[in-house]
Amino acid sequence: MCRLKDDVLGSYQWFQVFEDLLEKVIDLLLMMSMDIWSNKMNTMHANYYFIMGI
């Protein structure tokens, strides 16, 4: 019984570590995609103004 409890606690700690890592990766991906999106929008606006001669 004690061994099973240790295994469960160990796997739970690994799950917490994995969850934390996954959260950081998702945050990083979101930040990157937002950055790419804003750069894309800025480029589109710059091209629009350039084409319209503003």
PDB file of N, CA and C in Angstrom:
ATOM      1  N   MET A   1       0.836  -1.200   0.000  1.00  0.00           N
ATOM      2  CA  MET A   1       0.000   0.000   0.000  1.00  0.00           C
ATOM      3  C   MET A   1       0.877   1.259   0.000  1.00  0.00           C
ATOM      4  N   CYS A   2       1.920   1.228   0.798  1.00  0.00           N
ATOM      5  CA  CYS A   2       2.800   2.388   0.904  1.00  0.00           C
ATOM      6  C   CYS A   2       3.499   2.658  -0.426  1.00  0.00           C
ATOM      7  N   ARG A   3       3.906   1.578  -1.089  1.00  0.00           N
ATOM      8  CA  ARG A   3       4.591   1.713  -2.378  1.00  0.00           C
ATOM      9  C   ARG A   3       3.655   2.337  -3.419  1.00  0.00           C
ATOM     10  N   LEU A   4       2.412   1.885  -3.412  1.00  0.00           N
ATOM     11  CA  LEU A   4       1.423   2.415  -4.353  1.00  0.00           C
ATOM     12  C   LEU A   4       1.216   3.909  -4.106  1.00  0.00           C
ATOM     13  N   LYS A   5       1.153   4.290  -2.839  1.00  0.00           N
ATOM     14  CA  LYS A   5       0.972   5.696  -2.475  1.00  0.00           C
ATOM     15  C   LYS A   5       2.150   6.538  -2.991  1.00  0.00           C
ATOM     16  N   ASP A   6       3.367   6.021  -2.820  1.00  0.00           N
ATOM     17  CA  ASP A   6       4.551   6.727  -3.319  1.00  0.00           C
ATOM     18  C   ASP A   6       4.507   6.876  -4.832  1.00  0.00           C
ATOM     19  N   ASP A   7       4.098   5.809  -5.520  1.00  0.00           N
ATOM     20  CA  ASP A   7       4.010   5.855  -6.986  1.00  0.00           C
ATOM     21  C   ASP A   7       3.001   6.909  -7.435  1.00  0.00           C
ATOM     22  N   VAL A   8       1.863   6.935  -6.761  1.00  0.00           N
ATOM     23  CA  VAL A   8       0.815   7.902  -7.118  1.00  0.00           C
ATOM     24  C   VAL A   8       1.311   9.324  -6.877  1.00  0.00           C
ATOM     25  N   LEU A   9       1.955   9.546  -5.737  1.00  0.00           N
ATOM     26  CA  LEU A   9       2.487  10.875  -5.436  1.00  0.00           C
ATOM     27  C   LEU A   9       3.563  11.269  -6.431  1.00  0.00           C
ATOM     28  N   GLY A  10       4.432  10.318  -6.778  1.00  0.00           N
ATOM     29  CA  GLY A  10       5.489  10.588  -7.751  1.00  0.00           C
ATOM     30  C   GLY A  10       4.924  10.959  -9.103  1.00  0.00           C
ATOM     31  N   SER A  11       3.929  10.202  -9.557  1.00  0.00           N
ATOM     32  CA  SER A  11       3.349  10.488 -10.869  1.00  0.00           C
ATOM     33  C   SER A  11       2.585  11.812 -10.836  1.00  0.00           C
ATOM     34  N   TYR A  12       1.988  12.128  -9.680  1.00  0.00           N
ATOM     35  CA  TYR A  12       1.272  13.398  -9.548  1.00  0.00           C
ATOM     36  C   TYR A  12       2.241  14.572  -9.639  1.00  0.00           C
ATOM     37  N   GLN A  13       3.409  14.413  -8.995  1.00  0.00           N
ATOM     38  CA  GLN A  13       4.419  15.479  -9.077  1.00  0.00           C
ATOM     39  C   GLN A  13       4.899  15.643 -10.516  1.00  0.00           C
ATOM     40  N   TRP A  14       5.101  14.527 -11.217  1.00  0.00           N
ATOM     41  CA  TRP A  14       5.514  14.603 -12.617  1.00  0.00           C
ATOM     42  C   TRP A  14       4.440  15.288 -13.449  1.00  0.00           C
ATOM     43  N   PHE A  15       3.181  14.975 -13.120  1.00  0.00           N
ATOM     44  CA  PHE A  15       2.076  15.597 -13.850  1.00  0.00           C
ATOM     45  C   PHE A  15       2.078  17.107 -13.628  1.00  0.00           C
ATOM     46  N   GLN A  16       2.345  17.527 -12.387  1.00  0.00           N
ATOM     47  CA  GLN A  16       2.404  18.967 -12.097  1.00  0.00           C
ATOM     48  C   GLN A  16       3.529  19.635 -12.879  1.00  0.00           C
ATOM     49  N   VAL A  17       4.687  18.982 -12.921  1.00  0.00           N
ATOM     50  CA  VAL A  17       5.828  19.525 -13.663  1.00  0.00           C
ATOM     51  C   VAL A  17       5.473  19.622 -15.140  1.00  0.00           C
ATOM     52  N   PHE A  18       4.865  18.551 -15.670  1.00  0.00           N
ATOM     53  CA  PHE A  18       4.484  18.522 -17.080  1.00  0.00           C
ATOM     54  C   PHE A  18       3.448  19.596 -17.388  1.00  0.00           C
ATOM     55  N   GLU A  19       2.473  19.738 -16.484  1.00  0.00           N
ATOM     56  CA  GLU A  19       1.417  20.736 -16.669  1.00  0.00           C
ATOM     57  C   GLU A  19       2.001  22.148 -16.684  1.00  0.00           C
ATOM     58  N   ASP A  20       2.932  22.404 -15.776  1.00  0.00           N
ATOM     59  CA  ASP A  20       3.584  23.711 -15.694  1.00  0.00           C
ATOM     60  C   ASP A  20       4.364  23.999 -16.974  1.00  0.00           C
ATOM     61  N   LEU A  21       5.083  22.990 -17.449  1.00  0.00           N
ATOM     62  CA  LEU A  21       5.863  23.136 -18.675  1.00  0.00           C
ATOM     63  C   LEU A  21       4.941  23.396 -19.865  1.00  0.00           C
ATOM     64  N   LEU A  22       3.849  22.635 -19.926  1.00  0.00           N
ATOM     65  CA  LEU A  22       2.889  22.784 -21.019  1.00  0.00           C
ATOM     66  C   LEU A  22       2.292  24.191 -21.009  1.00  0.00           C
ATOM     67  N   GLU A  23       1.984  24.688 -19.820  1.00  0.00           N
ATOM     68  CA  GLU A  23       1.424  26.031 -19.691  1.00  0.00           C
ATOM     69  C   GLU A  23       2.405  27.083 -20.212  1.00  0.00           C
ATOM     70  N   LYS A  24       3.690  26.917 -19.873  1.00  0.00           N
ATOM     71  CA  LYS A  24       4.708  27.863 -20.342  1.00  0.00           C
ATOM     72  C   LYS A  24       4.840  27.820 -21.858  1.00  0.00           C
ATOM     73  N   VAL A  25       4.803  26.606 -22.430  1.00  0.00           N
ATOM     74  CA  VAL A  25       4.920  26.455 -23.884  1.00  0.00           C
ATOM     75  C   VAL A  25       3.726  27.107 -24.572  1.00  0.00           C
ATOM     76  N   ILE A  26       2.524  26.883 -24.039  1.00  0.00           N
ATOM     77  CA  ILE A  26       1.315  27.469 -24.636  1.00  0.00           C
ATOM     78  C   ILE A  26       1.367  28.993 -24.554  1.00  0.00           C
ATOM     79  N   ASP A  27       1.800  29.523 -23.407  1.00  0.00           N
ATOM     80  CA  ASP A  27       1.940  30.977 -23.267  1.00  0.00           C
ATOM     81  C   ASP A  27       2.921  31.532 -24.291  1.00  0.00           C
ATOM     82  N   LEU A  28       4.037  30.823 -24.456  1.00  0.00           N
ATOM     83  CA  LEU A  28       5.053  31.262 -25.408  1.00  0.00           C
ATOM     84  C   LEU A  28       4.496  31.255 -26.831  1.00  0.00           C
ATOM     85  N   LEU A  29       3.775  30.183 -27.188  1.00  0.00           N
ATOM     86  CA  LEU A  29       3.185  30.088 -28.527  1.00  0.00           C
ATOM     87  C   LEU A  29       2.162  31.195 -28.750  1.00  0.00           C
ATOM     88  N   LEU A  30       1.354  31.468 -27.733  1.00  0.00           N
ATOM     89  CA  LEU A  30       0.368  32.548 -27.844  1.00  0.00           C
ATOM     90  C   LEU A  30       1.051  33.893 -28.050  1.00  0.00           C
ATOM     91  N   MET A  31       2.099  34.143 -27.279  1.00  0.00           N
ATOM     92  CA  MET A  31       2.826  35.405 -27.424  1.00  0.00           C
ATOM     93  C   MET A  31       3.439  35.513 -28.815  1.00  0.00           C
ATOM     94  N   MET A  32       4.007  34.406 -29.305  1.00  0.00           N
ATOM     95  CA  MET A  32       4.618  34.419 -30.634  1.00  0.00           C
ATOM     96  C   MET A  32       3.569  34.659 -31.708  1.00  0.00           C
ATOM     97  N   SER A  33       2.417  33.983 -31.592  1.00  0.00           N
ATOM     98  CA  SER A  33       1.386  34.140 -32.613  1.00  0.00           C
ATOM     99  C   SER A  33       0.804  35.554 -32.584  1.00  0.00           C
ATOM    100  N   MET A  34       0.649  36.130 -31.391  1.00  0.00           N
ATOM    101  CA  MET A  34       0.162  37.507 -31.296  1.00  0.00           C
ATOM    102  C   MET A  34       1.171  38.467 -31.919  1.00  0.00           C
ATOM    103  N   ASP A  35       2.448  38.210 -31.674  1.00  0.00           N
ATOM    104  CA  ASP A  35       3.508  39.039 -32.232  1.00  0.00           C
ATOM    105  C   ASP A  35       3.498  38.951 -33.755  1.00  0.00           C
ATOM    106  N   ILE A  36       3.382  37.734 -34.276  1.00  0.00           N
ATOM    107  CA  ILE A  36       3.349  37.531 -35.732  1.00  0.00           C
ATOM    108  C   ILE A  36       2.120  38.223 -36.315  1.00  0.00           C
ATOM    109  N   TRP A  37       0.962  38.065 -35.637  1.00  0.00           N
ATOM    110  CA  TRP A  37      -0.280  38.669 -36.115  1.00  0.00           C
ATOM    111  C   TRP A  37      -0.160  40.197 -36.153  1.00  0.00           C
ATOM    112  N   SER A  38       0.398  40.792 -35.103  1.00  0.00           N
ATOM    113  CA  SER A  38       0.517  42.256 -35.080  1.00  0.00           C
ATOM    114  C   SER A  38       1.502  42.730 -36.147  1.00  0.00           C
ATOM    115  N   ASN A  39       2.581  41.989 -36.355  1.00  0.00           N
ATOM    116  CA  ASN A  39       3.527  42.346 -37.417  1.00  0.00           C
ATOM    117  C   ASN A  39       2.864  42.253 -38.781  1.00  0.00           C
ATOM    118  N   LYS A  40       2.041  41.211 -38.967  1.00  0.00           N
ATOM    119  CA  LYS A  40       1.340  41.020 -40.241  1.00  0.00           C
ATOM    120  C   LYS A  40       0.369  42.176 -40.484  1.00  0.00           C
ATOM    121  N   MET A  41      -0.370  42.555 -39.432  1.00  0.00           N
ATOM    122  CA  MET A  41      -1.323  43.653 -39.569  1.00  0.00           C
ATOM    123  C   MET A  41      -0.592  44.967 -39.861  1.00  0.00           C
ATOM    124  N   ASN A  42       0.525  45.214 -39.178  1.00  0.00           N
ATOM    125  CA  ASN A  42       1.298  46.432 -39.424  1.00  0.00           C
ATOM    126  C   ASN A  42       1.808  46.459 -40.856  1.00  0.00           C
ATOM    127  N   THR A  43       2.263  45.313 -41.350  1.00  0.00           N
ATOM    128  CA  THR A  43       2.761  45.228 -42.729  1.00  0.00           C
ATOM    129  C   THR A  43       1.627  45.481 -43.711  1.00  0.00           C
ATOM    130  N   MET A  44       0.445  44.897 -43.422  1.00  0.00           N
ATOM    131  CA  MET A  44      -0.701  45.106 -44.313  1.00  0.00           C
ATOM    132  C   MET A  44      -1.088  46.582 -44.348  1.00  0.00           C
ATOM    133  N   HIS A  45      -1.110  47.227 -43.191  1.00  0.00           N
ATOM    134  CA  HIS A  45      -1.452  48.649 -43.148  1.00  0.00           C
ATOM    135  C   HIS A  45      -0.410  49.483 -43.882  1.00  0.00           C
ATOM    136  N   ALA A  46       0.862  49.150 -43.678  1.00  0.00           N
ATOM    137  CA  ALA A  46       1.931  49.887 -44.352  1.00  0.00           C
ATOM    138  C   ALA A  46       1.805  49.727 -45.865  1.00  0.00           C
ATOM    139  N   ASN A  47       1.522  48.516 -46.323  1.00  0.00           N
ATOM    140  CA  ASN A  47       1.358  48.275 -47.762  1.00  0.00           C
ATOM    141  C   ASN A  47       0.143  49.020 -48.300  1.00  0.00           C
ATOM    142  N   TYR A  48      -0.942  49.024 -47.531  1.00  0.00           N
ATOM    143  CA  TYR A  48      -2.165  49.706 -47.948  1.00  0.00           C
ATOM    144  C   TYR A  48      -1.905  51.206 -48.122  1.00  0.00           C
ATOM    145  N   TYR A  49      -1.246  51.799 -47.125  1.00  0.00           N
ATOM    146  CA  TYR A  49      -0.959  53.230 -47.207  1.00  0.00           C
ATOM    147  C   TYR A  49       0.015  53.535 -48.331  1.00  0.00           C
ATOM    148  N   PHE A  50       0.959  52.644 -48.559  1.00  0.00           N
ATOM    149  CA  PHE A  50       1.934  52.838 -49.631  1.00  0.00           C
ATOM    150  C   PHE A  50       1.243  52.774 -50.994  1.00  0.00           C
ATOM    151  N   ILE A  51       0.340  51.793 -51.147  1.00  0.00           N
ATOM    152  CA  ILE A  51      -0.369  51.627 -52.423  1.00  0.00           C
ATOM    153  C   ILE A  51      -1.309  52.807 -52.666  1.00  0.00           C
ATOM    154  N   MET A  52      -1.997  53.258 -51.602  1.00  0.00           N
ATOM    155  CA  MET A  52      -2.946  54.362 -51.744  1.00  0.00           C
ATOM    156  C   MET A  52      -2.233  55.710 -51.865  1.00  0.00           C
ATOM    157  N   GLY A  53      -0.943  55.724 -51.602  1.00  0.00           N
ATOM    158  CA  GLY A  53      -0.178  56.958 -51.729  1.00  0.00           C
ATOM    159  C   GLY A  53      -0.401  57.925 -50.593  1.00  0.00           C
ATOM    160  N   ILE A  54      -0.738  57.379 -49.426  1.00  0.00           N
ATOM    161  CA  ILE A  54      -0.978  58.255 -48.262  1.00  0.00           C
ATOM    162  C   ILE A  54       0.342  58.511 -47.560  1.00  0.00           C
TER     163      ILE A  54
END
